[in-house]
N, C-alpha and C. Protein backbone atom coordinates (compact mmCIF):
# COMPACT_ATOMS: atom_id res chain seq x y z
N UNK A 1 -91.42 68.84 28.18
CA UNK A 1 -91.30 67.67 27.64
C UNK A 1 -90.23 66.73 28.20
N UNK A 2 -90.11 65.51 28.48
CA UNK A 2 -89.03 65.18 28.73
C UNK A 2 -88.04 64.80 27.72
N UNK A 3 -86.54 64.47 27.94
CA UNK A 3 -86.01 64.18 26.95
C UNK A 3 -86.24 62.43 26.81
N UNK A 4 -86.03 61.81 25.53
CA UNK A 4 -86.46 60.74 25.30
C UNK A 4 -84.88 59.92 25.95
N UNK A 5 -85.02 58.91 26.24
CA UNK A 5 -83.54 57.81 26.56
C UNK A 5 -82.78 57.66 25.57
N UNK A 6 -81.42 58.06 25.31
CA UNK A 6 -80.79 57.54 24.14
C UNK A 6 -80.78 56.00 24.00
N UNK A 7 -80.64 55.62 22.75
CA UNK A 7 -80.49 54.02 22.89
C UNK A 7 -78.96 53.79 23.24
N UNK A 8 -78.76 52.42 23.51
CA UNK A 8 -77.12 52.01 23.78
C UNK A 8 -76.41 52.16 22.38
N UNK A 9 -75.00 52.62 22.74
CA UNK A 9 -74.27 52.58 21.64
C UNK A 9 -74.45 51.48 20.68
N UNK A 10 -74.02 51.09 19.45
CA UNK A 10 -74.10 49.80 19.03
C UNK A 10 -72.80 49.13 19.58
N UNK A 11 -72.97 47.91 19.45
CA UNK A 11 -71.66 47.21 19.77
C UNK A 11 -70.50 47.36 18.77
N UNK A 12 -69.38 47.15 19.21
CA UNK A 12 -68.47 47.11 18.19
C UNK A 12 -67.38 45.89 18.27
N UNK A 13 -67.77 44.98 19.13
CA UNK A 13 -66.99 43.92 19.24
C UNK A 13 -67.13 42.84 17.97
N UNK A 14 -66.20 42.25 17.93
CA UNK A 14 -65.99 41.42 16.74
C UNK A 14 -67.08 40.19 16.23
N UNK A 15 -67.62 39.97 17.57
CA UNK A 15 -68.51 38.64 17.65
C UNK A 15 -70.00 39.34 17.15
N UNK A 16 -70.42 40.36 17.25
CA UNK A 16 -71.73 41.07 17.16
C UNK A 16 -72.02 41.97 16.08
N UNK A 17 -70.77 42.56 15.18
CA UNK A 17 -70.84 43.38 13.97
C UNK A 17 -70.85 42.45 12.84
N UNK A 18 -71.71 42.46 11.99
CA UNK A 18 -72.06 42.15 10.99
C UNK A 18 -70.98 42.48 9.88
N UNK A 19 -70.08 41.54 9.45
CA UNK A 19 -69.06 42.09 8.23
C UNK A 19 -69.41 41.05 7.00
N UNK A 20 -68.54 41.86 6.08
CA UNK A 20 -68.74 41.09 4.82
C UNK A 20 -68.12 39.79 5.04
N UNK A 21 -68.79 38.72 4.31
CA UNK A 21 -68.40 37.51 4.23
C UNK A 21 -67.17 36.93 3.39
N UNK A 22 -66.37 36.00 3.42
CA UNK A 22 -65.17 36.16 2.55
C UNK A 22 -65.74 36.14 0.87
N UNK A 23 -66.82 35.19 0.52
CA UNK A 23 -67.40 35.53 -0.67
C UNK A 23 -67.82 37.04 -0.97
N UNK A 24 -68.35 37.64 -0.19
CA UNK A 24 -68.54 39.30 -0.35
C UNK A 24 -67.14 39.69 -0.61
N UNK A 25 -66.24 39.47 -0.07
CA UNK A 25 -64.70 40.37 -0.12
C UNK A 25 -63.99 39.85 -1.43
N UNK A 26 -64.59 38.88 -2.22
CA UNK A 26 -63.81 38.42 -3.32
C UNK A 26 -62.89 37.31 -2.90
N UNK A 27 -62.98 36.84 -1.75
CA UNK A 27 -62.04 35.55 -1.59
C UNK A 27 -62.29 34.12 -1.48
N UNK A 28 -61.54 33.60 -2.72
CA UNK A 28 -62.10 32.29 -2.66
C UNK A 28 -62.20 31.43 -1.48
N UNK A 29 -62.98 30.87 -1.61
CA UNK A 29 -63.50 29.81 -0.43
C UNK A 29 -63.25 28.16 -0.83
N UNK A 30 -62.45 27.45 -0.34
CA UNK A 30 -62.15 26.33 -0.37
C UNK A 30 -62.83 25.48 0.49
N UNK A 31 -62.43 23.67 0.41
CA UNK A 31 -62.91 22.73 1.33
C UNK A 31 -61.83 22.60 2.10
N UNK A 32 -62.44 22.05 3.44
CA UNK A 32 -61.28 21.90 4.30
C UNK A 32 -60.27 20.77 3.94
N UNK A 33 -59.22 20.79 4.56
CA UNK A 33 -57.81 20.02 4.02
C UNK A 33 -57.38 20.49 3.03
N UNK A 34 -57.77 21.61 2.10
CA UNK A 34 -56.96 21.97 0.97
C UNK A 34 -55.87 23.34 1.47
N UNK A 35 -54.73 23.15 1.05
CA UNK A 35 -54.04 24.33 1.24
C UNK A 35 -53.92 25.27 0.33
N UNK A 36 -53.51 26.39 1.29
CA UNK A 36 -53.73 27.92 0.62
C UNK A 36 -52.48 28.82 0.61
N UNK A 37 -52.16 29.18 -0.11
CA UNK A 37 -51.06 30.50 0.22
C UNK A 37 -51.47 31.61 0.77
N UNK A 38 -50.88 32.60 1.68
CA UNK A 38 -51.17 33.91 2.16
C UNK A 38 -50.06 34.45 2.03
N UNK A 39 -50.06 35.96 1.76
CA UNK A 39 -48.89 36.52 1.58
C UNK A 39 -49.36 37.94 2.42
N UNK A 40 -48.16 38.56 2.55
CA UNK A 40 -48.46 40.24 3.37
C UNK A 40 -46.67 40.59 3.00
N UNK A 41 -46.79 41.55 2.10
CA UNK A 41 -45.42 42.35 1.60
C UNK A 41 -44.38 41.23 1.16
N UNK A 42 -43.57 40.70 1.84
CA UNK A 42 -42.49 39.76 1.35
C UNK A 42 -42.41 38.74 2.12
N UNK A 43 -43.60 38.59 3.11
CA UNK A 43 -43.69 37.36 3.80
C UNK A 43 -44.88 36.34 3.10
N UNK A 44 -44.60 35.06 3.40
CA UNK A 44 -45.53 34.22 3.09
C UNK A 44 -45.79 32.63 3.78
N UNK A 45 -46.64 31.97 3.54
CA UNK A 45 -46.86 30.98 4.29
C UNK A 45 -48.17 30.07 3.46
N UNK A 46 -48.04 28.86 3.60
CA UNK A 46 -48.89 27.82 3.14
C UNK A 46 -49.66 27.42 4.42
N UNK A 47 -51.11 27.51 4.55
CA UNK A 47 -51.94 27.02 5.39
C UNK A 47 -52.77 26.06 5.19
N UNK A 48 -53.00 25.19 5.82
CA UNK A 48 -54.02 24.10 5.80
C UNK A 48 -54.97 23.99 6.88
N UNK A 49 -56.12 24.35 6.75
CA UNK A 49 -56.98 24.10 7.56
C UNK A 49 -57.76 22.55 7.49
N UNK A 50 -57.05 21.93 8.56
CA UNK A 50 -57.52 20.55 8.59
C UNK A 50 -58.86 19.96 9.00
N UNK A 51 -59.48 20.86 10.05
CA UNK A 51 -60.63 20.18 10.46
C UNK A 51 -61.15 21.22 11.65
N UNK A 52 -62.54 21.37 11.77
CA UNK A 52 -62.89 22.27 12.70
C UNK A 52 -63.76 21.25 13.79
N UNK A 53 -63.36 21.41 14.92
CA UNK A 53 -63.82 20.77 15.99
C UNK A 53 -64.92 21.60 16.72
N UNK A 54 -66.05 21.05 16.87
CA UNK A 54 -67.06 21.86 17.32
C UNK A 54 -68.02 20.90 18.02
N UNK A 55 -68.04 20.99 19.45
CA UNK A 55 -67.06 21.90 20.36
C UNK A 55 -65.84 21.10 20.67
N UNK A 56 -65.17 21.94 21.57
CA UNK A 56 -63.88 21.57 22.04
C UNK A 56 -63.57 21.90 23.22
N UNK A 57 -63.15 21.11 24.02
CA UNK A 57 -62.90 21.82 25.40
C UNK A 57 -61.50 22.41 25.49
N UNK A 58 -61.77 23.29 26.56
CA UNK A 58 -60.24 23.96 26.82
C UNK A 58 -60.19 23.50 28.30
N UNK A 59 -58.92 23.56 28.43
CA UNK A 59 -58.21 23.14 29.83
C UNK A 59 -58.76 23.92 30.84
N UNK A 60 -58.88 23.65 31.97
CA UNK A 60 -59.13 24.82 33.05
C UNK A 60 -58.46 25.95 33.37
N UNK A 61 -57.10 25.85 32.91
CA UNK A 61 -56.35 26.97 33.28
C UNK A 61 -56.41 27.89 32.15
N UNK A 62 -56.91 27.62 30.99
CA UNK A 62 -57.03 28.57 29.86
C UNK A 62 -58.85 28.76 29.42
N UNK A 63 -59.54 27.96 30.49
CA UNK A 63 -61.19 28.35 29.92
C UNK A 63 -61.60 29.61 30.36
N UNK A 64 -61.78 29.90 28.98
CA UNK A 64 -62.71 31.44 28.94
C UNK A 64 -64.02 31.43 28.74
N UNK A 65 -64.58 30.21 28.40
CA UNK A 65 -66.13 30.00 28.17
C UNK A 65 -66.85 30.96 28.91
N UNK A 66 -67.55 31.57 27.91
CA UNK A 66 -68.72 32.64 28.81
C UNK A 66 -70.07 31.86 28.79
N UNK A 67 -70.95 32.16 29.74
CA UNK A 67 -72.11 31.48 29.83
C UNK A 67 -72.81 31.52 28.40
N UNK A 68 -73.07 30.51 27.89
CA UNK A 68 -74.15 30.76 26.66
C UNK A 68 -73.43 30.64 25.05
N UNK A 69 -72.09 30.17 25.38
CA UNK A 69 -71.29 30.16 24.29
C UNK A 69 -70.61 28.82 24.15
N UNK A 70 -70.00 28.31 23.24
CA UNK A 70 -69.41 26.99 23.20
C UNK A 70 -67.91 27.35 22.26
N UNK A 71 -66.98 26.41 22.66
CA UNK A 71 -65.61 26.85 22.10
C UNK A 71 -65.40 25.52 20.61
N UNK A 72 -64.77 26.43 19.64
CA UNK A 72 -64.52 25.19 18.52
C UNK A 72 -62.96 25.30 18.56
N UNK A 73 -62.54 24.43 18.17
CA UNK A 73 -61.13 24.17 17.49
C UNK A 73 -60.79 24.34 16.22
N UNK A 74 -59.66 25.06 15.76
CA UNK A 74 -59.66 24.97 14.29
C UNK A 74 -58.17 24.35 14.18
N UNK A 75 -58.19 22.94 13.61
CA UNK A 75 -56.80 22.41 13.52
C UNK A 75 -56.34 22.87 12.43
N UNK A 76 -54.86 23.29 12.63
CA UNK A 76 -54.64 23.85 11.18
C UNK A 76 -53.14 23.49 11.03
N UNK A 77 -52.33 23.58 9.63
CA UNK A 77 -50.70 23.42 9.64
C UNK A 77 -50.37 24.52 9.04
N UNK A 78 -49.34 24.99 9.17
CA UNK A 78 -48.78 26.49 8.47
C UNK A 78 -47.24 25.75 7.81
N UNK A 79 -46.71 26.58 7.06
CA UNK A 79 -45.24 26.49 6.32
C UNK A 79 -45.01 27.83 6.25
N UNK A 80 -43.48 28.21 6.69
CA UNK A 80 -43.29 29.72 6.30
C UNK A 80 -42.46 29.26 5.20
N UNK A 81 -43.01 29.92 4.25
CA UNK A 81 -42.79 29.92 2.64
C UNK A 81 -41.48 31.02 2.46
N UNK A 82 -41.47 32.47 2.72
CA UNK A 82 -40.70 33.22 2.51
C UNK A 82 -40.88 34.65 3.52
N UNK A 83 -39.78 35.28 3.95
CA UNK A 83 -39.96 36.44 4.69
C UNK A 83 -39.23 36.10 6.01
N UNK A 84 -39.80 36.57 6.94
CA UNK A 84 -39.18 36.80 8.28
C UNK A 84 -39.98 35.37 9.10
N UNK A 85 -39.65 35.22 10.38
CA UNK A 85 -40.22 34.44 11.10
C UNK A 85 -41.62 34.72 11.25
N UNK A 86 -42.57 33.83 11.53
CA UNK A 86 -44.18 33.85 12.08
C UNK A 86 -43.83 33.60 13.43
N UNK A 87 -44.70 34.88 14.13
CA UNK A 87 -45.05 34.47 15.48
C UNK A 87 -46.61 34.19 15.79
N UNK A 88 -46.61 33.20 16.94
CA UNK A 88 -47.87 33.09 17.08
C UNK A 88 -49.09 34.10 17.55
N UNK A 89 -48.41 35.19 17.96
CA UNK A 89 -49.33 36.42 18.53
C UNK A 89 -48.84 37.94 17.61
N UNK A 90 -49.61 38.44 17.55
CA UNK A 90 -49.52 39.62 16.62
C UNK A 90 -48.40 40.66 17.48
N UNK A 91 -47.20 40.93 16.49
CA UNK A 91 -46.38 41.43 17.10
C UNK A 91 -46.03 42.74 15.89
N UNK A 92 -45.59 44.00 16.17
CA UNK A 92 -45.31 45.18 15.25
C UNK A 92 -43.96 44.59 14.07
N UNK A 93 -43.34 43.84 14.98
CA UNK A 93 -42.03 43.56 14.12
C UNK A 93 -41.92 42.22 13.41
N UNK A 94 -43.00 41.29 13.55
CA UNK A 94 -42.86 39.89 13.05
C UNK A 94 -44.51 39.67 12.46
N UNK A 95 -44.32 39.30 11.64
CA UNK A 95 -45.84 38.73 10.94
C UNK A 95 -46.50 37.63 11.81
N UNK A 96 -47.61 37.38 12.10
CA UNK A 96 -48.51 36.51 12.83
C UNK A 96 -49.64 36.19 11.86
N UNK A 97 -50.14 35.07 12.35
CA UNK A 97 -51.67 34.53 12.06
C UNK A 97 -52.82 35.19 12.44
N UNK A 98 -53.62 35.61 11.79
CA UNK A 98 -54.87 36.18 12.54
C UNK A 98 -56.12 35.07 11.66
N UNK A 99 -57.00 34.75 12.61
CA UNK A 99 -58.11 33.76 12.31
C UNK A 99 -59.26 34.62 12.50
N UNK A 100 -60.47 34.61 11.66
CA UNK A 100 -61.55 34.99 11.87
C UNK A 100 -62.46 33.68 11.47
N UNK A 101 -63.46 33.58 12.33
CA UNK A 101 -64.68 32.47 12.06
C UNK A 101 -65.76 33.33 11.99
N UNK A 102 -66.53 32.76 10.76
CA UNK A 102 -67.48 33.45 10.52
C UNK A 102 -68.83 32.51 10.76
N UNK A 103 -69.91 32.67 11.25
CA UNK A 103 -70.82 32.06 11.57
C UNK A 103 -71.95 31.95 10.04
N UNK A 104 -72.69 30.93 10.22
CA UNK A 104 -73.85 30.93 9.13
C UNK A 104 -74.81 32.27 9.13
N UNK A 105 -74.81 33.26 10.07
CA UNK A 105 -75.57 34.35 9.93
C UNK A 105 -74.75 35.41 9.47
N UNK A 106 -73.40 35.48 9.20
CA UNK A 106 -72.50 36.39 9.04
C UNK A 106 -71.64 37.00 9.95
N UNK A 107 -72.04 36.56 11.26
CA UNK A 107 -71.38 37.32 12.25
C UNK A 107 -69.70 36.91 12.31
N UNK A 108 -68.88 37.59 12.51
CA UNK A 108 -67.46 37.24 12.93
C UNK A 108 -67.03 37.16 14.15
N UNK A 109 -66.11 36.11 14.32
CA UNK A 109 -65.29 35.92 16.04
C UNK A 109 -64.03 35.56 15.85
N UNK A 110 -63.00 36.22 16.36
CA UNK A 110 -61.97 36.52 16.59
C UNK A 110 -61.55 35.49 17.17
N UNK A 111 -60.35 34.43 16.71
CA UNK A 111 -59.55 33.32 17.16
C UNK A 111 -58.74 33.88 18.20
N UNK A 112 -58.34 33.10 18.94
CA UNK A 112 -57.21 32.94 20.32
C UNK A 112 -56.88 31.72 20.65
N UNK A 113 -55.73 31.99 21.21
CA UNK A 113 -54.79 30.77 21.46
C UNK A 113 -55.31 30.18 23.07
N UNK A 114 -55.00 29.14 23.01
CA UNK A 114 -55.52 28.19 24.47
C UNK A 114 -54.93 26.81 24.45
N UNK A 115 -55.29 26.34 25.48
CA UNK A 115 -54.89 24.66 25.73
C UNK A 115 -56.14 23.95 25.65
N UNK A 116 -56.21 22.79 24.89
CA UNK A 116 -56.97 21.62 24.93
C UNK A 116 -56.65 20.37 25.09
N UNK A 117 -57.12 19.60 25.82
CA UNK A 117 -56.58 18.29 25.89
C UNK A 117 -57.22 17.56 24.23
N UNK A 118 -58.24 17.98 23.60
CA UNK A 118 -58.67 17.41 22.50
C UNK A 118 -57.99 17.98 21.19
N UNK A 119 -57.15 18.81 21.29
CA UNK A 119 -56.48 19.33 20.11
C UNK A 119 -55.26 20.10 20.39
N UNK A 120 -54.34 19.46 19.68
CA UNK A 120 -52.94 20.03 20.07
C UNK A 120 -52.46 21.66 19.75
N UNK A 121 -52.45 22.28 21.00
CA UNK A 121 -52.34 23.22 20.87
C UNK A 121 -50.90 24.25 20.68
N UNK A 122 -51.03 25.57 20.61
CA UNK A 122 -49.59 25.95 20.16
C UNK A 122 -49.35 27.15 21.13
N UNK A 123 -48.26 27.69 21.72
CA UNK A 123 -48.11 28.40 22.41
C UNK A 123 -47.84 29.96 21.54
N UNK A 124 -48.67 31.26 22.21
CA UNK A 124 -48.81 32.31 21.46
C UNK A 124 -47.37 32.83 20.80
N UNK A 125 -46.33 32.46 21.86
CA UNK A 125 -45.04 32.77 21.54
C UNK A 125 -44.31 31.78 20.44
N UNK A 126 -44.76 30.87 19.68
CA UNK A 126 -44.28 30.21 18.75
C UNK A 126 -43.90 30.94 17.57
N UNK A 127 -42.47 30.73 17.67
CA UNK A 127 -42.04 31.07 16.46
C UNK A 127 -41.57 30.15 15.34
N UNK A 128 -41.92 30.44 14.28
CA UNK A 128 -41.81 29.69 13.09
C UNK A 128 -40.87 30.44 12.11
N UNK A 129 -39.63 29.63 12.00
CA UNK A 129 -38.54 30.05 11.22
C UNK A 129 -39.05 29.91 9.68
N UNK A 130 -38.30 30.67 9.02
CA UNK A 130 -38.10 30.62 7.41
C UNK A 130 -37.80 29.01 7.23
N UNK A 131 -38.83 28.66 6.49
CA UNK A 131 -38.71 27.03 5.80
C UNK A 131 -38.99 26.14 7.03
N UNK A 132 -39.72 26.82 7.99
CA UNK A 132 -40.03 25.95 9.17
C UNK A 132 -41.78 25.61 9.37
N UNK A 133 -42.27 24.86 9.70
CA UNK A 133 -43.49 24.69 9.79
C UNK A 133 -44.14 23.95 11.44
N UNK A 134 -45.58 24.31 11.47
CA UNK A 134 -46.06 24.08 12.87
C UNK A 134 -47.54 23.58 12.37
N UNK A 135 -48.20 22.47 13.29
CA UNK A 135 -49.16 22.27 13.24
C UNK A 135 -49.77 22.12 14.66
N UNK A 136 -51.15 22.70 14.71
CA UNK A 136 -51.86 22.99 16.11
C UNK A 136 -53.35 23.26 16.19
N UNK A 137 -53.60 24.23 17.04
CA UNK A 137 -54.99 24.50 17.02
C UNK A 137 -55.22 26.11 17.59
N UNK A 138 -55.85 26.95 17.14
CA UNK A 138 -56.68 28.19 17.48
C UNK A 138 -57.95 27.98 17.89
N UNK A 139 -58.39 28.86 18.59
CA UNK A 139 -59.82 28.81 18.88
C UNK A 139 -60.55 29.89 19.20
N UNK A 140 -62.11 29.63 19.01
CA UNK A 140 -62.81 30.79 18.80
C UNK A 140 -63.97 30.43 19.72
N UNK A 141 -64.92 31.42 20.31
CA UNK A 141 -66.08 31.27 21.08
C UNK A 141 -67.06 31.50 20.27
N UNK A 142 -68.14 30.88 20.17
CA UNK A 142 -69.69 31.29 19.44
C UNK A 142 -70.37 31.22 20.58
N UNK A 143 -71.84 31.86 20.13
CA UNK A 143 -72.96 31.61 20.92
C UNK A 143 -73.61 30.29 20.82
N UNK A 144 -74.34 29.61 21.79
CA UNK A 144 -74.58 28.52 21.87
C UNK A 144 -75.67 28.20 20.52
N UNK A 145 -75.70 27.18 19.84
CA UNK A 145 -76.58 27.12 18.94
C UNK A 145 -76.26 27.35 17.63
N UNK A 146 -74.82 28.31 17.48
CA UNK A 146 -74.59 28.81 16.38
C UNK A 146 -73.48 28.11 15.98
N UNK A 147 -73.56 27.71 14.57
CA UNK A 147 -71.93 26.97 13.96
C UNK A 147 -71.35 27.69 12.90
N UNK A 148 -70.02 26.95 12.57
CA UNK A 148 -69.02 28.02 11.72
C UNK A 148 -69.58 27.37 10.44
N UNK A 149 -69.29 28.64 9.50
CA UNK A 149 -69.71 28.56 8.17
C UNK A 149 -68.67 28.45 7.52
N UNK A 150 -67.74 29.52 7.60
CA UNK A 150 -66.25 29.80 7.17
C UNK A 150 -65.18 30.04 7.97
N UNK A 151 -64.08 29.89 7.72
CA UNK A 151 -62.79 30.44 8.41
C UNK A 151 -61.70 30.98 7.65
N UNK A 152 -61.47 32.33 7.85
CA UNK A 152 -60.46 32.94 7.27
C UNK A 152 -59.22 33.11 7.90
N UNK A 153 -58.18 32.89 7.15
CA UNK A 153 -56.70 33.30 8.09
C UNK A 153 -56.11 33.84 7.21
N UNK A 154 -55.33 34.72 7.83
CA UNK A 154 -54.50 35.85 7.40
C UNK A 154 -53.13 35.71 7.88
N UNK A 155 -52.23 36.52 7.02
CA UNK A 155 -50.71 36.79 7.66
C UNK A 155 -50.82 38.21 8.03
N UNK A 156 -50.76 38.58 9.30
CA UNK A 156 -50.86 39.97 9.77
C UNK A 156 -49.88 40.69 9.89
N UNK A 157 -49.07 41.88 9.87
CA UNK A 157 -48.08 42.38 10.03
C UNK A 157 -48.16 43.98 10.44
N UNK A 158 -48.06 44.19 11.87
CA UNK A 158 -48.23 45.36 12.70
C UNK A 158 -49.50 45.69 12.13
N UNK A 159 -50.36 45.09 12.30
CA UNK A 159 -51.84 45.49 12.25
C UNK A 159 -52.39 45.73 10.68
N UNK A 160 -51.60 45.22 9.82
CA UNK A 160 -52.04 45.34 8.44
C UNK A 160 -52.07 43.98 7.87
N UNK A 161 -53.48 43.41 7.46
CA UNK A 161 -53.56 42.25 7.20
C UNK A 161 -52.99 41.97 5.82
N UNK A 162 -52.97 40.69 5.02
CA UNK A 162 -52.14 40.56 4.02
C UNK A 162 -53.36 39.72 3.05
N UNK A 163 -53.16 38.93 2.08
CA UNK A 163 -54.03 38.26 1.23
C UNK A 163 -54.39 37.01 1.85
N UNK A 164 -55.84 36.97 2.44
CA UNK A 164 -56.43 35.96 3.37
C UNK A 164 -56.41 34.87 2.61
N UNK A 165 -56.93 33.70 3.27
CA UNK A 165 -57.11 32.27 2.87
C UNK A 165 -58.59 31.81 3.61
N UNK A 166 -59.62 31.38 2.82
CA UNK A 166 -60.92 31.09 3.50
C UNK A 166 -60.92 29.56 3.24
N UNK A 167 -61.66 28.93 3.99
CA UNK A 167 -62.49 27.81 3.98
C UNK A 167 -63.75 27.52 4.24
N UNK A 168 -64.54 26.83 3.60
CA UNK A 168 -66.15 26.49 3.91
C UNK A 168 -66.10 25.17 4.83
N UNK A 169 -66.87 25.53 5.85
CA UNK A 169 -67.13 24.62 6.90
C UNK A 169 -68.72 23.83 6.58
N UNK A 170 -68.55 22.64 6.17
CA UNK A 170 -69.68 21.99 5.96
C UNK A 170 -70.74 21.75 7.22
C-alpha cells in the first residue's frame, strides 16, 4: 500500500488565520473618529482612528502590494499620555503601536508602515515623547474584494500587548 500524501501544514500567517474578532474578545468597538485610551503597564496613549482609505496607493519606493491584493490606509492620531516615549516600530525597550485589521470574514491582517502620496505617513522610527502627539497613516494589505470591518490598535511593549482599542468600519 502506498502512503497517502500529507496535506500541507496549516498557514500561520496573520492574514489567513481566523482569529477572534474584537467583539469575541470583549473589546468595545466604537465609530471612526472616536478617541480611545490604550494602556500597557505604566504607559498610556489616546488614539483616534480618523478614517480608513480603501484603497490607497503606496509610493513606488515602498510599494509591497502583492498581486491579488489592495492596500488600505489607516489615518490615525495618537497622543502619549503617560509613561515612556512611543516608537513607531516594536522595540523591546520602548512601547510601540500595533495595528490589526479584521476583514468582514474575520481574518486578521497586520499593519505596516509605508509611504503614500494620499495619506500622510510616519517613519517607523518616529518617537512620540511623553505629552507629544502624532498624526499619520499605517497600512495593511488585504485580498482583492475583501473589505475592512474593524481595526484594533494596541500599545505593545516587548511583544506583550496591552489594553487595545477597536473601531467599527462601515
